[in-house]
Amino acid sequence: MKRCLYCEKEIVGRKDKKYCDDQCRNSYNNQLNTDASDVVRQINYTLRRNRRILEELLPPDGMAKVPAKTMHAAGFDFSFHTHLYTTKAGAVYHYCYEYGYLPIEGDYYLIVKREKKN
């Protein structure tokens, strides 16, 4: 006699069946992934917030020089970014998806948007 991995009811049906129904299968798998998904959810939330802040600070002409205190005040978290881009000159841009920022003189950042390549 086999029992459901989630609710422990007796399973009727195929020999290799692990769950009594789809709801138990989904609940069991959601329970397994909860800890990891909470961490991932928080990281994604921070990355999306950073992206939104960069988007709001960027004027339509596509480039802005912004003080770090303005970014901090908006809730920007400098420890989260999706990737880095190093130019031939050695400047390192930090990107949150398609929006990037580069530390420049003083306590300022240059904000840019990467254009889509066709």
PDB file of N, CA and C in Angstrom:
ATOM      1  N   MET A   1       0.850  -1.174   0.000  1.00  0.00           N
ATOM      2  CA  MET A   1       0.000   0.000   0.000  1.00  0.00           C
ATOM      3  C   MET A   1       0.903   1.247   0.000  1.00  0.00           C
ATOM      4  N   LYS A   2       0.709   2.092  -1.006  1.00  0.00           N
ATOM      5  CA  LYS A   2       1.478   3.339  -1.109  1.00  0.00           C
ATOM      6  C   LYS A   2       0.644   4.482  -0.568  1.00  0.00           C
ATOM      7  N   ARG A   3       1.356   5.493  -0.033  1.00  0.00           N
ATOM      8  CA  ARG A   3       0.687   6.670   0.512  1.00  0.00           C
ATOM      9  C   ARG A   3       1.171   7.920  -0.234  1.00  0.00           C
ATOM     10  N   CYS A   4       0.286   8.900  -0.330  1.00  0.00           N
ATOM     11  CA  CYS A   4       0.582  10.184  -0.971  1.00  0.00           C
ATOM     12  C   CYS A   4       1.717  10.866  -0.207  1.00  0.00           C
ATOM     13  N   LEU A   5       2.700  11.414  -0.924  1.00  0.00           N
ATOM     14  CA  LEU A   5       3.823  12.094  -0.282  1.00  0.00           C
ATOM     15  C   LEU A   5       3.407  13.363   0.452  1.00  0.00           C
ATOM     16  N   TYR A   6       2.261  13.938   0.089  1.00  0.00           N
ATOM     17  CA  TYR A   6       1.830  15.182   0.715  1.00  0.00           C
ATOM     18  C   TYR A   6       0.827  14.952   1.839  1.00  0.00           C
ATOM     19  N   CYS A   7      -0.294  14.309   1.543  1.00  0.00           N
ATOM     20  CA  CYS A   7      -1.365  14.164   2.542  1.00  0.00           C
ATOM     21  C   CYS A   7      -1.388  12.788   3.216  1.00  0.00           C
ATOM     22  N   GLU A   8      -0.598  11.868   2.719  1.00  0.00           N
ATOM     23  CA  GLU A   8      -0.460  10.514   3.252  1.00  0.00           C
ATOM     24  C   GLU A   8      -1.723   9.651   3.134  1.00  0.00           C
ATOM     25  N   LYS A   9      -2.633  10.042   2.255  1.00  0.00           N
ATOM     26  CA  LYS A   9      -3.790   9.181   1.964  1.00  0.00           C
ATOM     27  C   LYS A   9      -3.310   7.998   1.138  1.00  0.00           C
ATOM     28  N   GLU A  10      -4.086   6.936   1.174  1.00  0.00           N
ATOM     29  CA  GLU A  10      -3.752   5.762   0.372  1.00  0.00           C
ATOM     30  C   GLU A  10      -3.923   6.094  -1.106  1.00  0.00           C
ATOM     31  N   ILE A  11      -2.950   5.662  -1.912  1.00  0.00           N
ATOM     32  CA  ILE A  11      -2.977   5.947  -3.341  1.00  0.00           C
ATOM     33  C   ILE A  11      -3.587   4.764  -4.078  1.00  0.00           C
ATOM     34  N   VAL A  12      -4.528   5.090  -4.963  1.00  0.00           N
ATOM     35  CA  VAL A  12      -5.155   4.086  -5.811  1.00  0.00           C
ATOM     36  C   VAL A  12      -4.759   4.399  -7.244  1.00  0.00           C
ATOM     37  N   GLY A  13      -4.322   3.383  -7.986  1.00  0.00           N
ATOM     38  CA  GLY A  13      -3.966   3.613  -9.378  1.00  0.00           C
ATOM     39  C   GLY A  13      -2.639   2.984  -9.734  1.00  0.00           C
ATOM     40  N   ARG A  14      -1.925   3.666 -10.598  1.00  0.00           N
ATOM     41  CA  ARG A  14      -0.656   3.137 -11.099  1.00  0.00           C
ATOM     42  C   ARG A  14       0.328   2.828  -9.982  1.00  0.00           C
ATOM     43  N   LYS A  15       1.231   1.917 -10.270  1.00  0.00           N
ATOM     44  CA  LYS A  15       2.220   1.474  -9.298  1.00  0.00           C
ATOM     45  C   LYS A  15       3.245   2.573  -8.962  1.00  0.00           C
ATOM     46  N   ASP A  16       3.572   3.419  -9.941  1.00  0.00           N
ATOM     47  CA  ASP A  16       4.593   4.446  -9.729  1.00  0.00           C
ATOM     48  C   ASP A  16       4.016   5.801  -9.298  1.00  0.00           C
ATOM     49  N   LYS A  17       2.744   5.844  -8.992  1.00  0.00           N
ATOM     50  CA  LYS A  17       2.084   7.085  -8.593  1.00  0.00           C
ATOM     51  C   LYS A  17       2.585   7.533  -7.216  1.00  0.00           C
ATOM     52  N   LYS A  18       2.861   8.843  -7.048  1.00  0.00           N
ATOM     53  CA  LYS A  18       3.396   9.361  -5.791  1.00  0.00           C
ATOM     54  C   LYS A  18       2.393  10.221  -5.024  1.00  0.00           C
ATOM     55  N   TYR A  19       1.397  10.765  -5.727  1.00  0.00           N
ATOM     56  CA  TYR A  19       0.435  11.682  -5.118  1.00  0.00           C
ATOM     57  C   TYR A  19      -0.975  11.214  -5.439  1.00  0.00           C
ATOM     58  N   CYS A  20      -1.908  11.566  -4.550  1.00  0.00           N
ATOM     59  CA  CYS A  20      -3.279  11.123  -4.787  1.00  0.00           C
ATOM     60  C   CYS A  20      -3.977  11.974  -5.852  1.00  0.00           C
ATOM     61  N   ASP A  21      -3.568  13.236  -6.015  1.00  0.00           N
ATOM     62  CA  ASP A  21      -4.163  14.096  -7.046  1.00  0.00           C
ATOM     63  C   ASP A  21      -3.209  15.243  -7.385  1.00  0.00           C
ATOM     64  N   ASP A  22      -3.612  16.054  -8.362  1.00  0.00           N
ATOM     65  CA  ASP A  22      -2.765  17.168  -8.814  1.00  0.00           C
ATOM     66  C   ASP A  22      -2.563  18.225  -7.728  1.00  0.00           C
ATOM     67  N   GLN A  23      -3.586  18.447  -6.919  1.00  0.00           N
ATOM     68  CA  GLN A  23      -3.462  19.452  -5.851  1.00  0.00           C
ATOM     69  C   GLN A  23      -2.361  19.053  -4.862  1.00  0.00           C
ATOM     70  N   CYS A  24      -2.321  17.791  -4.475  1.00  0.00           N
ATOM     71  CA  CYS A  24      -1.266  17.316  -3.560  1.00  0.00           C
ATOM     72  C   CYS A  24       0.104  17.397  -4.225  1.00  0.00           C
ATOM     73  N   ARG A  25       0.187  17.058  -5.499  1.00  0.00           N
ATOM     74  CA  ARG A  25       1.458  17.143  -6.224  1.00  0.00           C
ATOM     75  C   ARG A  25       1.961  18.583  -6.245  1.00  0.00           C
ATOM     76  N   ASN A  26       1.065  19.516  -6.579  1.00  0.00           N
ATOM     77  CA  ASN A  26       1.447  20.937  -6.605  1.00  0.00           C
ATOM     78  C   ASN A  26       1.825  21.444  -5.218  1.00  0.00           C
ATOM     79  N   SER A  27       1.048  21.095  -4.210  1.00  0.00           N
ATOM     80  CA  SER A  27       1.324  21.540  -2.842  1.00  0.00           C
ATOM     81  C   SER A  27       2.662  21.003  -2.351  1.00  0.00           C
ATOM     82  N   TYR A  28       2.954  19.751  -2.641  1.00  0.00           N
ATOM     83  CA  TYR A  28       4.215  19.137  -2.227  1.00  0.00           C
ATOM     84  C   TYR A  28       5.405  19.852  -2.882  1.00  0.00           C
ATOM     85  N   ASN A  29       5.322  20.088  -4.176  1.00  0.00           N
ATOM     86  CA  ASN A  29       6.420  20.754  -4.892  1.00  0.00           C
ATOM     87  C   ASN A  29       6.569  22.217  -4.477  1.00  0.00           C
ATOM     88  N   ASN A  30       5.453  22.898  -4.220  1.00  0.00           N
ATOM     89  CA  ASN A  30       5.525  24.283  -3.737  1.00  0.00           C
ATOM     90  C   ASN A  30       6.193  24.336  -2.366  1.00  0.00           C
ATOM     91  N   GLN A  31       5.875  23.363  -1.517  1.00  0.00           N
ATOM     92  CA  GLN A  31       6.466  23.297  -0.191  1.00  0.00           C
ATOM     93  C   GLN A  31       7.981  23.058  -0.284  1.00  0.00           C
ATOM     94  N   LEU A  32       8.407  22.213  -1.207  1.00  0.00           N
ATOM     95  CA  LEU A  32       9.836  21.948  -1.397  1.00  0.00           C
ATOM     96  C   LEU A  32      10.592  23.191  -1.839  1.00  0.00           C
ATOM     97  N   ASN A  33       9.976  24.000  -2.681  1.00  0.00           N
ATOM     98  CA  ASN A  33      10.645  25.155  -3.279  1.00  0.00           C
ATOM     99  C   ASN A  33      10.441  26.461  -2.527  1.00  0.00           C
ATOM    100  N   THR A  34       9.729  26.460  -1.426  1.00  0.00           N
ATOM    101  CA  THR A  34       9.395  27.691  -0.717  1.00  0.00           C
ATOM    102  C   THR A  34      10.617  28.443  -0.233  1.00  0.00           C
ATOM    103  N   ASP A  35      11.558  27.786   0.437  1.00  0.00           N
ATOM    104  CA  ASP A  35      12.725  28.474   0.990  1.00  0.00           C
ATOM    105  C   ASP A  35      13.530  29.146  -0.102  1.00  0.00           C
ATOM    106  N   ALA A  36      13.845  28.429  -1.157  1.00  0.00           N
ATOM    107  CA  ALA A  36      14.639  28.986  -2.254  1.00  0.00           C
ATOM    108  C   ALA A  36      13.873  30.097  -2.961  1.00  0.00           C
ATOM    109  N   SER A  37      12.578  29.906  -3.166  1.00  0.00           N
ATOM    110  CA  SER A  37      11.822  30.909  -3.908  1.00  0.00           C
ATOM    111  C   SER A  37      11.671  32.209  -3.121  1.00  0.00           C
ATOM    112  N   ASP A  38      11.680  32.151  -1.777  1.00  0.00           N
ATOM    113  CA  ASP A  38      11.619  33.380  -0.993  1.00  0.00           C
ATOM    114  C   ASP A  38      12.882  34.215  -1.208  1.00  0.00           C
ATOM    115  N   VAL A  39      14.015  33.568  -1.246  1.00  0.00           N
ATOM    116  CA  VAL A  39      15.278  34.270  -1.482  1.00  0.00           C
ATOM    117  C   VAL A  39      15.285  34.855  -2.888  1.00  0.00           C
ATOM    118  N   VAL A  40      14.910  34.045  -3.864  1.00  0.00           N
ATOM    119  CA  VAL A  40      14.878  34.496  -5.258  1.00  0.00           C
ATOM    120  C   VAL A  40      13.868  35.625  -5.426  1.00  0.00           C
ATOM    121  N   ARG A  41      12.736  35.508  -4.779  1.00  0.00           N
ATOM    122  CA  ARG A  41      11.694  36.538  -4.872  1.00  0.00           C
ATOM    123  C   ARG A  41      12.220  37.868  -4.339  1.00  0.00           C
ATOM    124  N   GLN A  42      12.937  37.850  -3.213  1.00  0.00           N
ATOM    125  CA  GLN A  42      13.472  39.079  -2.631  1.00  0.00           C
ATOM    126  C   GLN A  42      14.540  39.701  -3.528  1.00  0.00           C
ATOM    127  N   ILE A  43      15.403  38.874  -4.104  1.00  0.00           N
ATOM    128  CA  ILE A  43      16.442  39.380  -5.008  1.00  0.00           C
ATOM    129  C   ILE A  43      15.809  39.994  -6.251  1.00  0.00           C
ATOM    130  N   ASN A  44      14.831  39.311  -6.837  1.00  0.00           N
ATOM    131  CA  ASN A  44      14.152  39.843  -8.019  1.00  0.00           C
ATOM    132  C   ASN A  44      13.425  41.144  -7.707  1.00  0.00           C
ATOM    133  N   TYR A  45      12.828  41.237  -6.520  1.00  0.00           N
ATOM    134  CA  TYR A  45      12.154  42.471  -6.113  1.00  0.00           C
ATOM    135  C   TYR A  45      13.153  43.628  -6.072  1.00  0.00           C
ATOM    136  N   THR A  46      14.328  43.393  -5.486  1.00  0.00           N
ATOM    137  CA  THR A  46      15.356  44.436  -5.384  1.00  0.00           C
ATOM    138  C   THR A  46      15.876  44.835  -6.762  1.00  0.00           C
ATOM    139  N   LEU A  47      16.114  43.851  -7.632  1.00  0.00           N
ATOM    140  CA  LEU A  47      16.576  44.155  -8.992  1.00  0.00           C
ATOM    141  C   LEU A  47      15.539  44.960  -9.771  1.00  0.00           C
ATOM    142  N   ARG A  48      14.270  44.590  -9.656  1.00  0.00           N
ATOM    143  CA  ARG A  48      13.217  45.342 -10.358  1.00  0.00           C
ATOM    144  C   ARG A  48      13.091  46.761  -9.813  1.00  0.00           C
ATOM    145  N   ARG A  49      13.234  46.922  -8.484  1.00  0.00           N
ATOM    146  CA  ARG A  49      13.178  48.263  -7.891  1.00  0.00           C
ATOM    147  C   ARG A  49      14.349  49.103  -8.401  1.00  0.00           C
ATOM    148  N   ASN A  50      15.566  48.528  -8.424  1.00  0.00           N
ATOM    149  CA  ASN A  50      16.724  49.251  -8.952  1.00  0.00           C
ATOM    150  C   ASN A  50      16.501  49.665 -10.401  1.00  0.00           C
ATOM    151  N   ARG A  51      15.966  48.757 -11.213  1.00  0.00           N
ATOM    152  CA  ARG A  51      15.701  49.057 -12.620  1.00  0.00           C
ATOM    153  C   ARG A  51      14.707  50.207 -12.743  1.00  0.00           C
ATOM    154  N   ARG A  52      13.644  50.154 -11.954  1.00  0.00           N
ATOM    155  CA  ARG A  52      12.610  51.201 -11.997  1.00  0.00           C
ATOM    156  C   ARG A  52      13.202  52.558 -11.607  1.00  0.00           C
ATOM    157  N   ILE A  53      14.060  52.590 -10.595  1.00  0.00           N
ATOM    158  CA  ILE A  53      14.694  53.839 -10.161  1.00  0.00           C
ATOM    159  C   ILE A  53      15.575  54.402 -11.267  1.00  0.00           C
ATOM    160  N   LEU A  54      16.384  53.548 -11.891  1.00  0.00           N
ATOM    161  CA  LEU A  54      17.235  54.011 -13.000  1.00  0.00           C
ATOM    162  C   LEU A  54      16.390  54.537 -14.147  1.00  0.00           C
ATOM    163  N   GLU A  55      15.302  53.842 -14.452  1.00  0.00           N
ATOM    164  CA  GLU A  55      14.406  54.268 -15.537  1.00  0.00           C
ATOM    165  C   GLU A  55      13.806  55.639 -15.231  1.00  0.00           C
ATOM    166  N   GLU A  56      13.389  55.860 -13.985  1.00  0.00           N
ATOM    167  CA  GLU A  56      12.790  57.140 -13.600  1.00  0.00           C
ATOM    168  C   GLU A  56      13.798  58.287 -13.608  1.00  0.00           C
ATOM    169  N   LEU A  57      15.055  57.988 -13.283  1.00  0.00           N
ATOM    170  CA  LEU A  57      16.083  59.029 -13.243  1.00  0.00           C
ATOM    171  C   LEU A  57      16.642  59.379 -14.619  1.00  0.00           C
ATOM    172  N   LEU A  58      16.408  58.515 -15.590  1.00  0.00           N
ATOM    173  CA  LEU A  58      16.972  58.719 -16.922  1.00  0.00           C
ATOM    174  C   LEU A  58      16.055  59.600 -17.772  1.00  0.00           C
ATOM    175  N   PRO A  59      16.550  60.737 -18.255  1.00  0.00           N
ATOM    176  CA  PRO A  59      15.729  61.589 -19.117  1.00  0.00           C
ATOM    177  C   PRO A  59      15.603  60.982 -20.519  1.00  0.00           C
ATOM    178  N   PRO A  60      14.682  61.518 -21.324  1.00  0.00           N
ATOM    179  CA  PRO A  60      14.464  60.972 -22.673  1.00  0.00           C
ATOM    180  C   PRO A  60      15.693  60.988 -23.584  1.00  0.00           C
ATOM    181  N   ASP A  61      16.653  61.891 -23.337  1.00  0.00           N
ATOM    182  CA  ASP A  61      17.832  61.945 -24.215  1.00  0.00           C
ATOM    183  C   ASP A  61      18.770  60.746 -24.010  1.00  0.00           C
ATOM    184  N   GLY A  62      18.562  59.964 -22.956  1.00  0.00           N
ATOM    185  CA  GLY A  62      19.273  58.709 -22.799  1.00  0.00           C
ATOM    186  C   GLY A  62      20.509  58.700 -21.937  1.00  0.00           C
ATOM    187  N   MET A  63      20.837  59.799 -21.246  1.00  0.00           N
ATOM    188  CA  MET A  63      22.016  59.829 -20.396  1.00  0.00           C
ATOM    189  C   MET A  63      21.796  60.860 -19.287  1.00  0.00           C
ATOM    190  N   ALA A  64      22.233  60.530 -18.056  1.00  0.00           N
ATOM    191  CA  ALA A  64      22.049  61.458 -16.942  1.00  0.00           C
ATOM    192  C   ALA A  64      23.202  61.337 -15.959  1.00  0.00           C
ATOM    193  N   LYS A  65      23.574  62.476 -15.374  1.00  0.00           N
ATOM    194  CA  LYS A  65      24.574  62.525 -14.310  1.00  0.00           C
ATOM    195  C   LYS A  65      23.802  62.784 -13.022  1.00  0.00           C
ATOM    196  N   VAL A  66      23.814  61.796 -12.113  1.00  0.00           N
ATOM    197  CA  VAL A  66      22.962  61.847 -10.923  1.00  0.00           C
ATOM    198  C   VAL A  66      23.810  61.672  -9.664  1.00  0.00           C
ATOM    199  N   PRO A  67      23.554  62.483  -8.617  1.00  0.00           N
ATOM    200  CA  PRO A  67      24.275  62.300  -7.357  1.00  0.00           C
ATOM    201  C   PRO A  67      23.866  60.978  -6.683  1.00  0.00           C
ATOM    202  N   ALA A  68      24.824  60.353  -6.013  1.00  0.00           N
ATOM    203  CA  ALA A  68      24.551  59.091  -5.324  1.00  0.00           C
ATOM    204  C   ALA A  68      23.462  59.264  -4.271  1.00  0.00           C
ATOM    205  N   LYS A  69      23.432  60.427  -3.607  1.00  0.00           N
ATOM    206  CA  LYS A  69      22.429  60.639  -2.557  1.00  0.00           C
ATOM    207  C   LYS A  69      21.018  60.629  -3.131  1.00  0.00           C
ATOM    208  N   THR A  70      20.840  61.046  -4.377  1.00  0.00           N
ATOM    209  CA  THR A  70      19.526  60.993  -5.021  1.00  0.00           C
ATOM    210  C   THR A  70      19.106  59.539  -5.236  1.00  0.00           C
ATOM    211  N   MET A  71      20.065  58.727  -5.659  1.00  0.00           N
ATOM    212  CA  MET A  71      19.773  57.309  -5.879  1.00  0.00           C
ATOM    213  C   MET A  71      19.473  56.606  -4.556  1.00  0.00           C
ATOM    214  N   HIS A  72      20.265  56.910  -3.524  1.00  0.00           N
ATOM    215  CA  HIS A  72      20.023  56.334  -2.200  1.00  0.00           C
ATOM    216  C   HIS A  72      18.650  56.738  -1.674  1.00  0.00           C
ATOM    217  N   ALA A  73      18.303  58.011  -1.837  1.00  0.00           N
ATOM    218  CA  ALA A  73      17.017  58.512  -1.343  1.00  0.00           C
ATOM    219  C   ALA A  73      15.846  57.815  -2.025  1.00  0.00           C
ATOM    220  N   ALA A  74      16.038  57.407  -3.282  1.00  0.00           N
ATOM    221  CA  ALA A  74      14.973  56.711  -4.019  1.00  0.00           C
ATOM    222  C   ALA A  74      14.887  55.234  -3.625  1.00  0.00           C
ATOM    223  N   GLY A  75      15.869  54.754  -2.840  1.00  0.00           N
ATOM    224  CA  GLY A  75      15.852  53.367  -2.407  1.00  0.00           C
ATOM    225  C   GLY A  75      16.736  52.441  -3.218  1.00  0.00           C
ATOM    226  N   PHE A  76      17.630  53.003  -4.018  1.00  0.00           N
ATOM    227  CA  PHE A  76      18.511  52.197  -4.854  1.00  0.00           C
ATOM    228  C   PHE A  76      19.493  51.412  -3.986  1.00  0.00           C
ATOM    229  N   ASP A  77      19.678  50.125  -4.292  1.00  0.00           N
ATOM    230  CA  ASP A  77      20.605  49.261  -3.563  1.00  0.00           C
ATOM    231  C   ASP A  77      21.778  48.924  -4.484  1.00  0.00           C
ATOM    232  N   PHE A  78      22.931  49.521  -4.235  1.00  0.00           N
ATOM    233  CA  PHE A  78      24.095  49.383  -5.104  1.00  0.00           C
ATOM    234  C   PHE A  78      24.701  47.977  -5.081  1.00  0.00           C
ATOM    235  N   SER A  79      24.316  47.144  -4.141  1.00  0.00           N
ATOM    236  CA  SER A  79      24.897  45.798  -4.077  1.00  0.00           C
ATOM    237  C   SER A  79      24.189  44.799  -4.987  1.00  0.00           C
ATOM    238  N   PHE A  80      23.120  45.219  -5.664  1.00  0.00           N
ATOM    239  CA  PHE A  80      22.393  44.326  -6.563  1.00  0.00           C
ATOM    240  C   PHE A  80      22.431  44.850  -7.993  1.00  0.00           C
ATOM    241  N   HIS A  81      22.907  44.021  -8.908  1.00  0.00           N
ATOM    242  CA  HIS A  81      22.894  44.337 -10.337  1.00  0.00           C
ATOM    243  C   HIS A  81      22.883  43.024 -11.106  1.00  0.00           C
ATOM    244  N   THR A  82      22.473  43.062 -12.372  1.00  0.00           N
ATOM    245  CA  THR A  82      22.365  41.831 -13.152  1.00  0.00           C
ATOM    246  C   THR A  82      23.673  41.451 -13.831  1.00  0.00           C
ATOM    247  N   HIS A  83      24.447  42.430 -14.275  1.00  0.00           N
ATOM    248  CA  HIS A  83      25.712  42.125 -14.933  1.00  0.00           C
ATOM    249  C   HIS A  83      26.597  43.369 -15.015  1.00  0.00           C
ATOM    250  N   LEU A  84      27.841  43.146 -15.420  1.00  0.00           N
ATOM    251  CA  LEU A  84      28.812  44.224 -15.592  1.00  0.00           C
ATOM    252  C   LEU A  84      29.204  44.315 -17.056  1.00  0.00           C
ATOM    253  N   TYR A  85      29.568  45.518 -17.480  1.00  0.00           N
ATOM    254  CA  TYR A  85      30.091  45.713 -18.832  1.00  0.00           C
ATOM    255  C   TYR A  85      31.339  46.580 -18.729  1.00  0.00           C
ATOM    256  N   THR A  86      32.450  46.075 -19.241  1.00  0.00           N
ATOM    257  CA  THR A  86      33.710  46.816 -19.224  1.00  0.00           C
ATOM    258  C   THR A  86      33.990  47.342 -20.628  1.00  0.00           C
ATOM    259  N   THR A  87      34.190  48.645 -20.736  1.00  0.00           N
ATOM    260  CA  THR A  87      34.484  49.257 -22.028  1.00  0.00           C
ATOM    261  C   THR A  87      35.945  49.005 -22.392  1.00  0.00           C
ATOM    262  N   LYS A  88      36.291  49.313 -23.625  1.00  0.00           N
ATOM    263  CA  LYS A  88      37.692  49.168 -24.071  1.00  0.00           C
ATOM    264  C   LYS A  88      38.624  50.065 -23.260  1.00  0.00           C
ATOM    265  N   ALA A  89      38.094  51.187 -22.788  1.00  0.00           N
ATOM    266  CA  ALA A  89      38.891  52.124 -21.992  1.00  0.00           C
ATOM    267  C   ALA A  89      39.024  51.663 -20.537  1.00  0.00           C
ATOM    268  N   GLY A  90      38.303  50.609 -20.157  1.00  0.00           N
ATOM    269  CA  GLY A  90      38.400  50.061 -18.803  1.00  0.00           C
ATOM    270  C   GLY A  90      37.327  50.519 -17.837  1.00  0.00           C
ATOM    271  N   ALA A  91      36.374  51.337 -18.294  1.00  0.00           N
ATOM    272  CA  ALA A  91      35.278  51.772 -17.426  1.00  0.00           C
ATOM    273  C   ALA A  91      34.312  50.600 -17.215  1.00  0.00           C
ATOM    274  N   VAL A  92      33.889  50.407 -15.970  1.00  0.00           N
ATOM    275  CA  VAL A  92      33.009  49.280 -15.644  1.00  0.00           C
ATOM    276  C   VAL A  92      31.607  49.803 -15.321  1.00  0.00           C
ATOM    277  N   TYR A  93      30.655  49.474 -16.191  1.00  0.00           N
ATOM    278  CA  TYR A  93      29.255  49.815 -15.990  1.00  0.00           C
ATOM    279  C   TYR A  93      28.571  48.670 -15.246  1.00  0.00           C
ATOM    280  N   HIS A  94      27.755  49.012 -14.263  1.00  0.00           N
ATOM    281  CA  HIS A  94      26.914  48.035 -13.566  1.00  0.00           C
ATOM    282  C   HIS A  94      25.526  48.154 -14.188  1.00  0.00           C
ATOM    283  N   TYR A  95      24.935  47.017 -14.553  1.00  0.00           N
ATOM    284  CA  TYR A  95      23.628  47.032 -15.200  1.00  0.00           C
ATOM    285  C   TYR A  95      22.562  46.349 -14.352  1.00  0.00           C
ATOM    286  N   CYS A  96      21.375  46.917 -14.381  1.00  0.00           N
ATOM    287  CA  CYS A  96      20.152  46.293 -13.893  1.00  0.00           C
ATOM    288  C   CYS A  96      19.293  46.134 -15.139  1.00  0.00           C
ATOM    289  N   TYR A  97      19.379  44.949 -15.719  1.00  0.00           N
ATOM    290  CA  TYR A  97      18.751  44.648 -16.993  1.00  0.00           C
ATOM    291  C   TYR A  97      19.315  45.580 -18.066  1.00  0.00           C
ATOM    292  N   GLU A  98      18.513  46.430 -18.696  1.00  0.00           N
ATOM    293  CA  GLU A  98      19.054  47.264 -19.773  1.00  0.00           C
ATOM    294  C   GLU A  98      19.527  48.643 -19.307  1.00  0.00           C
ATOM    295  N   TYR A  99      19.358  48.965 -18.018  1.00  0.00           N
ATOM    296  CA  TYR A  99      19.787  50.261 -17.484  1.00  0.00           C
ATOM    297  C   TYR A  99      21.103  50.094 -16.732  1.00  0.00           C
ATOM    298  N   GLY A 100      22.066  50.968 -17.047  1.00  0.00           N
ATOM    299  CA  GLY A 100      23.373  50.866 -16.425  1.00  0.00           C
ATOM    300  C   GLY A 100      23.773  52.145 -15.722  1.00  0.00           C
ATOM    301  N   TYR A 101      24.747  52.008 -14.825  1.00  0.00           N
ATOM    302  CA  TYR A 101      25.288  53.179 -14.139  1.00  0.00           C
ATOM    303  C   TYR A 101      26.795  53.009 -13.976  1.00  0.00           C
ATOM    304  N   LEU A 102      27.488  54.130 -14.051  1.00  0.00           N
ATOM    305  CA  LEU A 102      28.941  54.161 -13.985  1.00  0.00           C
ATOM    306  C   LEU A 102      29.347  55.196 -12.942  1.00  0.00           C
ATOM    307  N   PRO A 103      30.148  54.797 -11.934  1.00  0.00           N
ATOM    308  CA  PRO A 103      30.626  55.799 -10.979  1.00  0.00           C
ATOM    309  C   PRO A 103      31.568  56.778 -11.684  1.00  0.00           C
ATOM    310  N   ILE A 104      31.330  58.069 -11.490  1.00  0.00           N
ATOM    311  CA  ILE A 104      32.195  59.096 -12.096  1.00  0.00           C
ATOM    312  C   ILE A 104      32.682  60.031 -10.992  1.00  0.00           C
ATOM    313  N   GLU A 105      33.349  61.105 -11.364  1.00  0.00           N
ATOM    314  CA  GLU A 105      33.975  62.007 -10.399  1.00  0.00           C
ATOM    315  C   GLU A 105      33.001  62.475  -9.323  1.00  0.00           C
ATOM    316  N   GLY A 106      33.592  62.733  -8.157  1.00  0.00           N
ATOM    317  CA  GLY A 106      32.765  63.138  -7.022  1.00  0.00           C
ATOM    318  C   GLY A 106      31.930  61.959  -6.569  1.00  0.00           C
ATOM    319  N   ASP A 107      30.767  62.236  -6.118  1.00  0.00           N
ATOM    320  CA  ASP A 107      29.848  61.187  -5.682  1.00  0.00           C
ATOM    321  C   ASP A 107      28.684  61.120  -6.674  1.00  0.00           C
ATOM    322  N   TYR A 108      29.016  61.046  -7.959  1.00  0.00           N
ATOM    323  CA  TYR A 108      28.023  61.036  -9.033  1.00  0.00           C
ATOM    324  C   TYR A 108      28.070  59.729  -9.816  1.00  0.00           C
ATOM    325  N   TYR A 109      26.955  59.448 -10.467  1.00  0.00           N
ATOM    326  CA  TYR A 109      26.856  58.277 -11.343  1.00  0.00           C
ATOM    327  C   TYR A 109      26.299  58.716 -12.693  1.00  0.00           C
ATOM    328  N   LEU A 110      26.840  58.130 -13.746  1.00  0.00           N
ATOM    329  CA  LEU A 110      26.331  58.339 -15.089  1.00  0.00           C
ATOM    330  C   LEU A 110      25.352  57.203 -15.363  1.00  0.00           C
ATOM    331  N   ILE A 111      24.114  57.535 -15.684  1.00  0.00           N
ATOM    332  CA  ILE A 111      23.093  56.528 -15.951  1.00  0.00           C
ATOM    333  C   ILE A 111      22.847  56.466 -17.452  1.00  0.00           C
ATOM    334  N   VAL A 112      22.808  55.247 -17.985  1.00  0.00           N
ATOM    335  CA  VAL A 112      22.609  55.040 -19.424  1.00  0.00           C
ATOM    336  C   VAL A 112      21.610  53.907 -19.642  1.00  0.00           C
ATOM    337  N   LYS A 113      21.117  53.830 -20.876  1.00  0.00           N
ATOM    338  CA  LYS A 113      20.252  52.723 -21.269  1.00  0.00           C
ATOM    339  C   LYS A 113      20.880  52.036 -22.473  1.00  0.00           C
ATOM    340  N   ARG A 114      21.014  50.728 -22.379  1.00  0.00           N
ATOM    341  CA  ARG A 114      21.585  49.962 -23.494  1.00  0.00           C
ATOM    342  C   ARG A 114      20.536  49.826 -24.583  1.00  0.00           C
ATOM    343  N   GLU A 115      20.929  50.145 -25.778  1.00  0.00           N
ATOM    344  CA  GLU A 115      20.028  50.039 -26.916  1.00  0.00           C
ATOM    345  C   GLU A 115      19.952  48.588 -27.387  1.00  0.00           C
ATOM    346  N   LYS A 116      18.788  48.212 -27.900  1.00  0.00           N
ATOM    347  CA  LYS A 116      18.619  46.865 -28.440  1.00  0.00           C
ATOM    348  C   LYS A 116      19.440  46.692 -29.707  1.00  0.00           C
ATOM    349  N   LYS A 117      20.054  45.519 -29.816  1.00  0.00           N
ATOM    350  CA  LYS A 117      20.789  45.205 -31.051  1.00  0.00           C
ATOM    351  C   LYS A 117      19.844  44.441 -31.977  1.00  0.00           C
ATOM    352  N   ASN A 118      19.860  44.802 -33.246  1.00  0.00           N
ATOM    353  CA  ASN A 118      18.981  44.119 -34.206  1.00  0.00           C
ATOM    354  C   ASN A 118      19.643  42.909 -34.792  1.00  0.00           C
TER     355      ASN A 118
END
